[in-house]
Amino acid sequence: MRGISTDINTIRQNVFSEIAKLSYEYDSSDTDFFKKMEHIPYRIIPGEESTYRDSVFLERAIVNERMRLAMGLPVRKANEHAPVSDGAKDCIIPEKYYEPPLVNIIKFACHKCPDNVVHVTDACQGCLSHPCQIVCPKEAISFKDGKSVIDQSECIKCGKCIEACPYHAILRQERPCVKACGAGAIKSDEYGRAEIDQEKCVSCGMCLANCPFGAIADKAQIFQVIQAMKEGVPVYAAMAPAITGQFGPECTPHKIRSAMKAIGFHDAVEVAIGADLCALQEARDFVEEVPSKLPWMGTSCCPAWSSFAKKLLPDKAECISMALTPMVLTARLLKKEHPGCKVVFIGPCVAKKLEASRRSVRSEVDFVLTFEEVLGMLQAKEVDFAQLADTDPMEGASGDGRAFAISGCVANAVVNVIKEKYPERGDVKVVAADGLAECKKMLMTAKAGKYNGYLLEGMACPGGCVAGAGTVQPIKKTAAAISKHQKASSNQHAYESDYREVLADLEN
């Protein structure tokens, strides 16, 4: 539920906070660790009466699975006996712990929502003209007691009756997770519960962000990050451009570094620095390769879009930019400046967790956390933003780099570089799409040859990274905060980056 604070958000946040506390307090000599895990659901769901579902036991069972996922552990099957701590011993490490799949459905939390059903509501007036019945190509509509009735066995879901009804009394009901999944990766199992086709899934996380029953969740690395911090090795927080405003109005851009240090990070830097370098790299590649080598070029920074495009058009996979993403460039920069450190990318994106698990990225990015997960760490440490230093801002990025989180702004940054550094290229034609359904339309148009010579920007989340599944604040509110932060940058364009001279070293 984007931008609305619900009970699901509260439960998720409480789970992340409890797991963070568990990790902060963990000691290898603690013989009660597994018992402490068992007590967590009773703190999150207290009492003897259920609040959200039919049974308090079911509510706690779902929290148990959320807790396991927050530790990186797999969900358990309802027909198999296993303690909540099953496998926990293996995940108590200061390293990345990940067992696929990333995005999971807690089956006994699924509502078995009806999908793509056209039905008549109580708003039907039983009008004399019966336009719904007249336009139905399958004669699936009859009248009973003066009201329209649809024979579901005959209905082909064409929607003509919906368009014809003068009272808007006929609705199409869609499963929220299916509607949100632009990759078409959600289907139903034999019991009518949602199931993810992992071959199609690109881990954008839109299903988990839109499930009104909170039945879908991704695996987290909160526990392992905190263990890494406790080892004594410097752990750096690399903050994605969408960070601005995520932790509320009191956590201003001048306080984010202090907030990260308060929960155990050695320091924090903004990934917008890497966004500047990504824009420089993509601008150079576009000028060199389009149209001489490639018909068009797609941006690289969104891993879900990149994966989706390559799955949809495998014969055009080389058209998706090979430029290093802002996350990777920033991590490489940190490890170059601070040998031996560990890097945690903190952002709005679920798919970044998979990107960081790629063989080519694994050595640079040690962990990935979402803003929502980091908020749990802040709550666990009871960080009071009002008490934090207000004079420690993250610096070094341009306004264009800071705007990468908003749909259309990645391509804008690249175009600005081309205009400045490659003026002989002339005007660059751009198309931007956000949300995988819109990205698909853009790609199919490109396949048809109508976008030859274009720069295509793809974002898996509607609105861009500001709408990522791991965000905390409403989309419009975050976009406004980013725009304000963008204008406050000392440099406005990527080609002015203080780090542009090191790009060649980072690419190798």
Protein backbone atom coordinates (compact mmCIF):
# COMPACT_ATOMS: atom_id res chain seq x y z
CA MET A 1 0.00 0.00 0.00
CA ARG A 2 2.07 2.87 -1.32
CA GLY A 3 2.23 5.93 0.88
CA ILE A 4 -0.29 4.66 3.44
CA SER A 5 0.83 3.58 6.89
CA THR A 6 -0.96 0.30 7.63
CA ASP A 7 -0.85 -2.45 10.24
CA ILE A 8 1.25 -4.47 7.79
CA ASN A 9 3.90 -1.73 7.77
CA THR A 10 3.86 -1.67 11.57
CA ILE A 11 4.31 -5.43 11.87
CA ARG A 12 7.12 -5.45 9.29
CA GLN A 13 8.85 -2.61 11.10
CA ASN A 14 8.53 -4.34 14.46
CA VAL A 15 10.02 -7.52 13.00
CA PHE A 16 13.02 -5.64 11.58
CA SER A 17 13.52 -3.83 14.88
CA GLU A 18 13.38 -7.05 16.90
CA ILE A 19 15.85 -8.84 14.61
CA ALA A 20 18.19 -5.85 14.84
CA LYS A 21 17.99 -5.95 18.65
CA LEU A 22 18.65 -9.68 18.60
CA SER A 23 21.79 -9.13 16.53
CA TYR A 24 23.06 -6.17 18.54
CA GLU A 25 22.66 -8.17 21.75
CA TYR A 26 24.01 -11.45 20.38
CA ASP A 27 27.06 -12.98 22.02
CA SER A 28 28.60 -16.29 20.99
CA SER A 29 28.37 -17.46 24.59
CA ASP A 30 24.63 -16.74 24.75
CA THR A 31 22.95 -20.10 25.31
CA ASP A 32 19.46 -18.54 25.27
CA PHE A 33 19.67 -17.16 21.72
CA PHE A 34 17.21 -19.60 20.17
CA LYS A 35 14.75 -19.11 23.05
CA LYS A 36 14.92 -15.36 22.47
CA MET A 37 13.89 -15.96 18.86
CA GLU A 38 10.83 -17.87 20.06
CA HIS A 39 9.73 -14.96 22.31
CA ILE A 40 9.74 -12.31 19.57
CA PRO A 41 6.30 -13.14 18.05
CA TYR A 42 4.73 -12.81 21.50
CA ARG A 43 6.07 -9.26 21.85
CA ILE A 44 4.86 -8.28 18.40
CA ILE A 45 1.48 -10.04 18.78
CA PRO A 46 0.68 -9.90 22.53
CA GLY A 47 -2.38 -11.17 24.34
CA GLU A 48 -4.79 -14.03 23.73
CA GLU A 49 -7.17 -12.49 21.20
CA SER A 50 -6.47 -12.07 17.51
CA THR A 51 -6.39 -8.55 16.04
CA TYR A 52 -5.91 -9.03 12.31
CA ARG A 53 -6.88 -12.60 11.43
CA ASP A 54 -9.07 -15.45 12.64
CA SER A 55 -6.54 -16.73 15.16
CA VAL A 56 -3.79 -15.23 17.30
CA PHE A 57 -1.83 -18.41 16.63
CA LEU A 58 -1.98 -17.75 12.88
CA GLU A 59 -0.87 -14.17 13.44
CA ARG A 60 2.17 -15.35 15.39
CA ALA A 61 2.92 -18.08 12.85
CA ILE A 62 3.11 -15.43 10.12
CA VAL A 63 5.36 -13.25 12.27
CA ASN A 64 7.61 -16.28 12.75
CA GLU A 65 8.07 -16.58 8.99
CA ARG A 66 8.65 -12.85 8.63
CA MET A 67 11.28 -13.10 11.34
CA ARG A 68 13.01 -15.97 9.54
CA LEU A 69 13.04 -14.05 6.25
CA ALA A 70 14.45 -10.99 8.03
CA MET A 71 17.38 -13.18 9.09
CA GLY A 72 17.84 -14.53 5.57
CA LEU A 73 16.29 -17.92 6.39
CA PRO A 74 13.75 -19.70 4.15
CA VAL A 75 10.05 -19.91 4.95
CA ARG A 76 8.85 -23.20 6.39
CA LYS A 77 6.10 -25.31 4.90
CA ALA A 78 2.92 -25.70 6.92
CA ASN A 79 2.98 -29.49 6.48
CA GLU A 80 6.50 -29.95 7.81
CA HIS A 81 7.60 -29.71 11.43
CA ALA A 82 10.57 -27.44 12.14
CA PRO A 83 11.32 -25.04 15.01
CA VAL A 84 11.35 -21.32 14.22
CA SER A 85 15.11 -21.37 14.85
CA ASP A 86 15.69 -24.09 12.26
CA GLY A 87 18.86 -23.17 10.36
CA ALA A 88 19.49 -20.04 12.45
CA LYS A 89 22.88 -21.30 13.57
CA ASP A 90 24.13 -21.05 9.97
CA CYS A 91 23.05 -17.43 9.48
CA ILE A 92 24.81 -16.05 12.57
CA ILE A 93 27.77 -14.81 10.54
CA PRO A 94 29.36 -11.46 9.66
CA GLU A 95 29.07 -12.25 5.96
CA LYS A 96 26.29 -12.23 3.39
CA TYR A 97 23.85 -15.08 3.99
CA TYR A 98 21.49 -15.73 1.13
CA GLU A 99 19.56 -18.77 0.00
CA PRO A 100 17.31 -18.22 -3.03
CA PRO A 101 14.61 -17.28 -3.76
CA LEU A 102 14.78 -13.66 -2.67
CA VAL A 103 11.05 -12.87 -2.81
CA ASN A 104 8.84 -15.35 -0.96
CA ILE A 105 5.17 -15.99 -0.35
CA ILE A 106 4.11 -16.96 3.15
CA LYS A 107 1.46 -19.38 1.96
CA PHE A 108 -0.76 -19.41 5.05
CA ALA A 109 -0.88 -15.61 5.00
CA CYS A 110 -2.21 -15.53 1.42
CA HIS A 111 -5.90 -14.60 1.10
CA LYS A 112 -6.37 -16.56 -2.16
CA CYS A 113 -7.67 -13.39 -3.77
CA PRO A 114 -9.89 -13.84 -6.87
CA ASP A 115 -8.13 -12.81 -10.06
CA ASN A 116 -9.56 -11.21 -13.19
CA VAL A 117 -13.22 -11.67 -12.27
CA VAL A 118 -15.88 -9.41 -13.79
CA HIS A 119 -18.85 -9.05 -11.47
CA VAL A 120 -21.92 -6.91 -10.95
CA THR A 121 -22.08 -4.81 -7.77
CA ASP A 122 -25.06 -3.64 -5.74
CA ALA A 123 -24.93 -0.37 -7.69
CA CYS A 124 -26.78 -2.09 -10.58
CA GLN A 125 -30.09 -0.32 -11.20
CA GLY A 126 -31.61 -2.95 -13.47
CA CYS A 127 -32.10 -0.35 -16.18
CA LEU A 128 -34.49 -0.94 -19.07
CA SER A 129 -31.91 -0.53 -21.83
CA HIS A 130 -29.72 -3.41 -20.56
CA PRO A 131 -26.59 -2.19 -22.44
CA CYS A 132 -24.38 -4.69 -20.60
CA GLN A 133 -26.44 -7.57 -21.94
CA ILE A 134 -26.57 -6.16 -25.46
CA VAL A 135 -22.79 -5.71 -25.84
CA CYS A 136 -21.81 -9.06 -24.34
CA PRO A 137 -20.38 -11.18 -27.20
CA LYS A 138 -20.96 -14.44 -25.31
CA GLU A 139 -24.50 -13.79 -24.01
CA ALA A 140 -23.13 -14.33 -20.53
CA ILE A 141 -25.39 -11.71 -18.90
CA SER A 142 -28.95 -12.37 -17.78
CA PHE A 143 -31.33 -10.62 -15.39
CA LYS A 144 -32.52 -11.99 -12.09
CA ASP A 145 -34.79 -10.08 -9.72
CA GLY A 146 -34.22 -7.00 -11.85
CA LYS A 147 -30.41 -7.11 -11.58
CA SER A 148 -27.66 -8.12 -14.00
CA VAL A 149 -26.03 -11.50 -13.36
CA ILE A 150 -22.86 -12.70 -15.11
CA ASP A 151 -22.38 -16.38 -15.88
CA GLN A 152 -18.70 -16.78 -14.99
CA SER A 153 -18.41 -19.97 -17.03
CA GLU A 154 -19.26 -18.02 -20.19
CA CYS A 155 -17.59 -14.69 -19.41
CA ILE A 156 -14.40 -14.05 -21.42
CA LYS A 157 -13.42 -10.96 -19.38
CA CYS A 158 -13.52 -8.69 -22.43
CA GLY A 159 -14.73 -5.74 -20.35
CA LYS A 160 -17.36 -4.52 -22.82
CA CYS A 161 -20.08 -4.65 -20.15
CA ILE A 162 -17.89 -2.56 -17.83
CA GLU A 163 -17.59 0.16 -20.47
CA ALA A 164 -21.29 0.05 -21.35
CA CYS A 165 -22.78 0.30 -17.84
CA PRO A 166 -24.04 3.88 -17.27
CA TYR A 167 -23.87 3.41 -13.50
CA HIS A 168 -20.32 1.95 -13.37
CA ALA A 169 -21.90 -0.94 -11.53
CA ILE A 170 -19.77 -3.64 -13.13
CA LEU A 171 -16.18 -4.08 -11.94
CA ARG A 172 -13.15 -6.12 -12.85
CA GLN A 173 -11.56 -7.56 -9.72
CA GLU A 174 -7.85 -8.35 -10.01
CA ARG A 175 -5.46 -9.96 -7.58
CA PRO A 176 -3.32 -7.03 -6.28
CA CYS A 177 -0.02 -8.88 -6.55
CA VAL A 178 -0.80 -9.99 -10.11
CA LYS A 179 -1.82 -6.49 -11.14
CA ALA A 180 1.38 -5.05 -9.65
CA CYS A 181 3.64 -7.60 -11.36
CA GLY A 182 4.61 -6.22 -14.75
CA ALA A 183 6.72 -9.33 -15.40
CA GLY A 184 3.71 -11.64 -15.28
CA ALA A 185 5.42 -13.81 -12.69
CA ILE A 186 2.47 -14.40 -10.31
CA LYS A 187 0.25 -17.43 -10.76
CA SER A 188 -1.89 -19.61 -8.47
CA ASP A 189 -0.98 -22.91 -6.85
CA GLU A 190 -3.32 -25.87 -6.50
CA TYR A 191 -5.01 -24.25 -3.48
CA GLY A 192 -5.60 -20.89 -5.14
CA ARG A 193 -2.75 -19.20 -3.27
CA ALA A 194 -0.33 -16.89 -5.01
CA GLU A 195 2.84 -18.45 -6.34
CA ILE A 196 5.88 -16.85 -7.97
CA ASP A 197 7.30 -18.12 -11.22
CA GLN A 198 10.96 -17.60 -10.40
CA GLU A 199 11.94 -17.89 -14.08
CA LYS A 200 9.93 -14.74 -14.84
CA CYS A 201 10.46 -12.88 -11.56
CA VAL A 202 13.00 -10.03 -11.62
CA SER A 203 12.64 -9.24 -7.89
CA CYS A 204 11.30 -5.71 -8.35
CA GLY A 205 9.28 -6.23 -5.16
CA MET A 206 6.08 -4.61 -6.43
CA CYS A 207 4.09 -7.70 -5.41
CA LEU A 208 5.18 -7.44 -1.79
CA ALA A 209 4.58 -3.69 -1.77
CA ASN A 210 1.00 -4.15 -3.01
CA CYS A 211 -0.20 -7.28 -1.18
CA PRO A 212 -2.90 -6.03 1.24
CA PHE A 213 -2.49 -9.14 3.41
CA GLY A 214 1.27 -8.86 3.82
CA ALA A 215 1.75 -12.38 2.49
CA ILE A 216 4.83 -11.59 0.39
CA ALA A 217 8.23 -10.67 1.79
CA ASP A 218 11.87 -10.60 0.74
CA LYS A 219 14.89 -11.89 2.61
CA ALA A 220 16.97 -9.40 4.60
CA GLN A 221 20.57 -9.19 5.82
CA ILE A 222 20.02 -7.10 8.95
CA PHE A 223 21.43 -9.69 11.34
CA GLN A 224 24.59 -10.29 9.31
CA VAL A 225 25.30 -6.56 8.77
CA ILE A 226 25.25 -5.93 12.51
CA GLN A 227 27.52 -8.91 13.13
CA ALA A 228 29.97 -7.47 10.59
CA MET A 229 29.91 -4.13 12.43
CA LYS A 230 30.71 -5.88 15.70
CA GLU A 231 33.78 -7.52 14.15
CA GLY A 232 35.64 -4.22 14.19
CA VAL A 233 36.18 -3.93 10.41
CA PRO A 234 35.11 -0.50 9.09
CA VAL A 235 31.64 -0.89 7.57
CA TYR A 236 30.50 1.91 5.26
CA ALA A 237 26.91 2.79 4.43
CA ALA A 238 26.45 3.67 0.75
CA MET A 239 23.18 5.59 0.67
CA ALA A 240 21.07 5.51 -2.51
CA PRO A 241 19.81 8.83 -3.95
CA ALA A 242 16.26 8.06 -2.76
CA ILE A 243 17.44 8.40 0.87
CA THR A 244 16.40 12.04 1.15
CA GLY A 245 13.44 12.34 3.53
CA GLN A 246 13.01 8.58 4.03
CA PHE A 247 13.43 8.66 7.81
CA GLY A 248 11.12 11.62 8.33
CA PRO A 249 11.52 15.40 8.40
CA GLU A 250 13.80 15.38 11.46
CA CYS A 251 16.43 13.28 9.67
CA THR A 252 17.61 15.97 7.27
CA PRO A 253 20.38 15.41 4.67
CA HIS A 254 22.72 17.02 7.22
CA LYS A 255 21.93 14.31 9.79
CA ILE A 256 22.02 11.11 7.75
CA ARG A 257 25.72 10.46 8.32
CA SER A 258 25.28 10.95 12.05
CA ALA A 259 22.29 8.60 12.04
CA MET A 260 24.27 5.87 10.28
CA LYS A 261 27.17 6.25 12.71
CA ALA A 262 24.72 5.98 15.61
CA ILE A 263 23.70 2.46 14.53
CA GLY A 264 27.26 1.23 14.05
CA PHE A 265 28.47 2.29 10.61
CA HIS A 266 31.98 3.70 10.36
CA ASP A 267 30.76 6.37 7.95
CA ALA A 268 28.25 7.01 5.17
CA VAL A 269 28.57 8.26 1.60
CA GLU A 270 25.97 9.07 -1.03
CA VAL A 271 25.65 6.74 -4.00
CA ALA A 272 24.77 9.80 -6.05
CA ILE A 273 28.57 10.09 -6.44
CA GLY A 274 28.47 6.79 -8.30
CA ALA A 275 25.40 8.00 -10.22
CA ASP A 276 27.49 10.86 -11.61
CA LEU A 277 30.15 8.40 -12.77
CA CYS A 278 27.48 6.12 -14.25
CA ALA A 279 26.09 9.05 -16.25
CA LEU A 280 29.58 9.84 -17.57
CA GLN A 281 30.13 6.21 -18.58
CA GLU A 282 26.73 5.80 -20.24
CA ALA A 283 27.11 9.10 -22.13
CA ARG A 284 30.45 7.95 -23.54
CA ASP A 285 29.12 4.51 -24.44
CA PHE A 286 26.01 5.93 -26.09
CA VAL A 287 28.03 8.29 -28.28
CA GLU A 288 30.46 5.53 -29.26
CA GLU A 289 27.94 2.74 -29.86
CA VAL A 290 24.61 4.20 -31.02
CA PRO A 291 23.78 3.79 -33.85
CA SER A 292 27.10 2.46 -35.25
CA LYS A 293 27.11 -0.70 -33.13
CA LEU A 294 23.71 -0.75 -31.41
CA PRO A 295 20.29 0.42 -32.65
CA TRP A 296 19.49 1.95 -29.25
CA MET A 297 20.79 1.86 -25.68
CA GLY A 298 18.95 1.20 -22.43
CA THR A 299 20.14 2.54 -19.07
CA SER A 300 21.81 0.18 -16.61
CA CYS A 301 21.12 1.43 -13.08
CA CYS A 302 17.84 -0.44 -12.34
CA PRO A 303 18.67 -4.18 -12.02
CA ALA A 304 15.03 -5.31 -12.25
CA TRP A 305 14.51 -3.37 -15.50
CA SER A 306 17.81 -4.61 -16.88
CA SER A 307 16.97 -8.24 -16.09
CA PHE A 308 13.43 -7.86 -17.44
CA ALA A 309 14.64 -6.33 -20.72
CA LYS A 310 17.16 -9.11 -21.28
CA LYS A 311 14.56 -11.79 -20.57
CA LEU A 312 11.98 -10.16 -22.83
CA LEU A 313 14.38 -9.40 -25.71
CA PRO A 314 17.33 -11.79 -25.35
CA ASP A 315 18.52 -11.01 -28.86
CA LYS A 316 18.82 -7.34 -27.88
CA ALA A 317 20.51 -7.93 -24.50
CA GLU A 318 23.64 -6.09 -25.69
CA CYS A 319 21.50 -2.96 -26.10
CA ILE A 320 21.20 -2.62 -22.32
CA SER A 321 24.13 -0.53 -21.14
CA MET A 322 27.08 -2.39 -19.69
CA ALA A 323 27.99 0.64 -17.59
CA LEU A 324 28.63 -0.12 -13.93
CA THR A 325 25.69 0.83 -11.75
CA PRO A 326 25.92 3.68 -9.20
CA MET A 327 25.95 1.09 -6.40
CA VAL A 328 28.95 -0.76 -7.82
CA LEU A 329 30.89 2.38 -8.73
CA THR A 330 30.43 3.82 -5.24
CA ALA A 331 31.45 0.53 -3.62
CA ARG A 332 34.57 0.31 -5.77
CA LEU A 333 35.46 3.88 -4.88
CA LEU A 334 35.08 3.13 -1.17
CA LYS A 335 37.21 -0.01 -1.35
CA LYS A 336 39.85 1.84 -3.32
CA GLU A 337 40.02 4.59 -0.70
CA HIS A 338 39.59 2.28 2.33
CA PRO A 339 41.16 -1.14 1.60
CA GLY A 340 39.71 -3.93 3.73
CA CYS A 341 36.46 -2.13 4.50
CA LYS A 342 32.97 -3.58 3.99
CA VAL A 343 30.26 -1.80 2.03
CA VAL A 344 26.52 -1.90 2.68
CA PHE A 345 24.29 -0.48 -0.02
CA ILE A 346 21.21 1.09 1.57
CA GLY A 347 18.37 1.90 -0.76
CA PRO A 348 14.75 1.44 -1.81
CA CYS A 349 15.35 -1.60 -3.98
CA VAL A 350 14.77 -5.32 -3.44
CA ALA A 351 16.44 -6.27 -6.74
CA LYS A 352 19.74 -4.71 -5.61
CA LYS A 353 20.07 -7.67 -3.24
CA LEU A 354 20.29 -9.93 -6.27
CA GLU A 355 22.60 -7.58 -8.13
CA ALA A 356 25.00 -7.64 -5.19
CA SER A 357 24.99 -11.44 -5.28
CA ARG A 358 26.30 -11.57 -8.85
CA ARG A 359 29.76 -13.02 -9.16
CA SER A 360 31.09 -9.79 -10.71
CA VAL A 361 29.74 -7.59 -7.90
CA ARG A 362 30.10 -9.82 -4.85
CA SER A 363 33.59 -8.60 -3.95
CA GLU A 364 32.56 -4.93 -3.97
CA VAL A 365 29.15 -4.87 -2.30
CA ASP A 366 29.09 -6.92 0.88
CA PHE A 367 25.46 -6.37 1.91
CA VAL A 368 22.26 -4.69 0.76
CA LEU A 369 19.61 -3.27 3.09
CA THR A 370 16.42 -1.39 2.30
CA PHE A 371 15.43 1.88 3.95
CA GLU A 372 12.67 0.00 5.76
CA GLU A 373 15.19 -2.46 7.21
CA VAL A 374 17.56 0.32 8.29
CA LEU A 375 14.66 2.09 10.00
CA GLY A 376 14.31 -1.08 12.09
CA MET A 377 17.98 -0.73 13.11
CA LEU A 378 17.43 2.93 14.01
CA GLN A 379 14.45 1.96 16.15
CA ALA A 380 16.38 -0.86 17.81
CA LYS A 381 19.05 1.63 18.84
CA GLU A 382 16.39 4.20 19.81
CA VAL A 383 18.09 6.88 17.73
CA ASP A 384 16.67 10.32 18.40
CA PHE A 385 17.16 12.40 15.28
CA ALA A 386 16.62 15.62 17.23
CA GLN A 387 19.77 14.86 19.23
CA LEU A 388 22.00 14.16 16.22
CA ALA A 389 24.61 16.56 14.87
CA ASP A 390 23.20 18.77 12.13
CA THR A 391 26.55 19.69 10.55
CA ASP A 392 27.70 16.43 8.98
CA PRO A 393 26.18 16.22 5.48
CA MET A 394 27.16 13.74 2.80
CA GLU A 395 28.84 15.66 0.01
CA GLY A 396 30.41 15.22 -3.41
CA ALA A 397 27.46 14.45 -5.69
CA SER A 398 25.86 16.62 -8.34
CA GLY A 399 22.21 17.58 -8.51
CA ASP A 400 21.74 15.29 -11.51
CA GLY A 401 23.22 12.37 -9.57
CA ARG A 402 20.95 13.00 -6.60
CA ALA A 403 17.93 12.99 -8.91
CA PHE A 404 18.62 9.46 -10.24
CA ALA A 405 15.85 8.17 -7.97
CA ILE A 406 13.12 9.94 -9.97
CA SER A 407 11.82 8.53 -13.24
CA GLY A 408 13.28 10.31 -16.26
CA CYS A 409 16.21 11.81 -14.39
CA VAL A 410 18.79 9.14 -15.25
CA ALA A 411 18.37 9.82 -18.97
CA ASN A 412 18.36 13.55 -18.24
CA ALA A 413 21.73 13.26 -16.49
CA VAL A 414 23.20 11.32 -19.42
CA VAL A 415 21.86 13.82 -21.96
CA ASN A 416 23.36 16.71 -19.99
CA VAL A 417 26.77 15.03 -20.14
CA ILE A 418 26.44 14.44 -23.91
CA LYS A 419 25.51 18.07 -24.53
CA GLU A 420 28.56 19.27 -22.61
CA LYS A 421 31.22 16.72 -23.55
CA TYR A 422 30.03 15.58 -26.98
CA PRO A 423 28.28 18.63 -28.49
CA GLU A 424 28.91 17.33 -32.01
CA ARG A 425 26.36 14.57 -31.33
CA GLY A 426 23.49 17.03 -31.40
CA ASP A 427 20.12 16.36 -29.82
CA VAL A 428 19.60 12.97 -28.19
CA LYS A 429 16.16 11.41 -28.44
CA VAL A 430 14.96 9.89 -25.17
CA VAL A 431 12.08 7.72 -24.02
CA ALA A 432 11.57 6.91 -20.33
CA ALA A 433 9.24 4.28 -18.88
CA ASP A 434 8.54 3.39 -15.26
CA GLY A 435 6.76 0.28 -14.08
CA LEU A 436 7.50 -2.97 -15.90
CA ALA A 437 4.22 -2.92 -17.83
CA GLU A 438 5.20 0.42 -19.37
CA CYS A 439 8.77 -0.79 -19.85
CA LYS A 440 7.42 -3.72 -21.84
CA LYS A 441 5.53 -1.37 -24.16
CA MET A 442 8.69 0.68 -24.66
CA LEU A 443 10.77 -2.40 -25.42
CA MET A 444 8.28 -3.79 -27.91
CA THR A 445 8.25 -0.44 -29.70
CA ALA A 446 12.06 -0.53 -29.76
CA LYS A 447 11.95 -4.08 -31.13
CA ALA A 448 9.76 -2.80 -33.96
CA GLY A 449 12.55 -0.39 -34.91
CA LYS A 450 10.74 2.79 -33.89
CA TYR A 451 13.33 3.85 -31.29
CA ASN A 452 16.49 3.43 -33.36
CA GLY A 453 19.08 5.96 -32.21
CA TYR A 454 17.28 6.54 -28.89
CA LEU A 455 18.39 6.41 -25.28
CA LEU A 456 15.83 4.37 -23.34
CA GLU A 457 15.47 4.75 -19.59
CA GLY A 458 13.77 1.92 -17.74
CA MET A 459 12.65 1.86 -14.12
CA ALA A 460 10.87 -1.18 -12.68
CA CYS A 461 9.03 0.80 -10.01
CA PRO A 462 6.26 3.24 -11.05
CA GLY A 463 7.72 6.70 -10.47
CA GLY A 464 11.28 5.41 -10.21
CA CYS A 465 13.35 4.38 -7.18
CA VAL A 466 11.25 6.68 -4.99
CA ALA A 467 8.56 3.99 -5.27
CA GLY A 468 10.81 1.04 -4.45
CA ALA A 469 9.44 -1.78 -2.31
CA GLY A 470 11.84 -0.90 0.52
CA THR A 471 10.85 2.75 0.86
CA VAL A 472 9.23 4.26 3.93
CA GLN A 473 7.78 7.60 2.82
CA PRO A 474 5.05 8.39 0.25
CA ILE A 475 6.33 8.65 -3.33
CA LYS A 476 5.40 12.30 -3.99
CA LYS A 477 6.79 13.40 -0.63
CA THR A 478 10.14 11.72 -1.34
CA ALA A 479 10.32 13.13 -4.86
CA ALA A 480 9.76 16.65 -3.50
CA ALA A 481 12.48 16.19 -0.86
CA ILE A 482 14.93 14.93 -3.49
CA SER A 483 14.21 17.87 -5.79
CA LYS A 484 14.96 20.25 -2.94
CA HIS A 485 18.20 18.41 -2.12
CA GLN A 486 19.11 18.39 -5.81
CA LYS A 487 18.93 22.17 -6.03
CA ALA A 488 21.16 22.51 -2.96
CA SER A 489 24.04 20.63 -4.65
CA SER A 490 27.24 22.60 -5.23
CA ASN A 491 27.52 20.98 -8.69
CA GLN A 492 24.43 20.55 -10.79
CA HIS A 493 25.68 18.15 -13.48
CA ALA A 494 27.58 14.86 -13.55
CA TYR A 495 30.34 16.24 -15.78
CA GLU A 496 31.32 18.53 -12.90
CA SER A 497 31.91 15.59 -10.54
CA ASP A 498 34.97 15.81 -8.31
CA TYR A 499 35.50 12.09 -8.95
CA ARG A 500 35.38 12.08 -12.75
CA GLU A 501 39.15 11.57 -13.01
CA VAL A 502 38.99 8.19 -11.22
CA LEU A 503 36.31 6.66 -13.46
CA ALA A 504 38.82 4.86 -15.68
CA ASP A 505 40.42 3.17 -12.65
CA LEU A 506 37.03 2.06 -11.31
CA GLU A 507 35.96 0.54 -14.64
CA ASN A 508 38.95 -1.84 -14.71
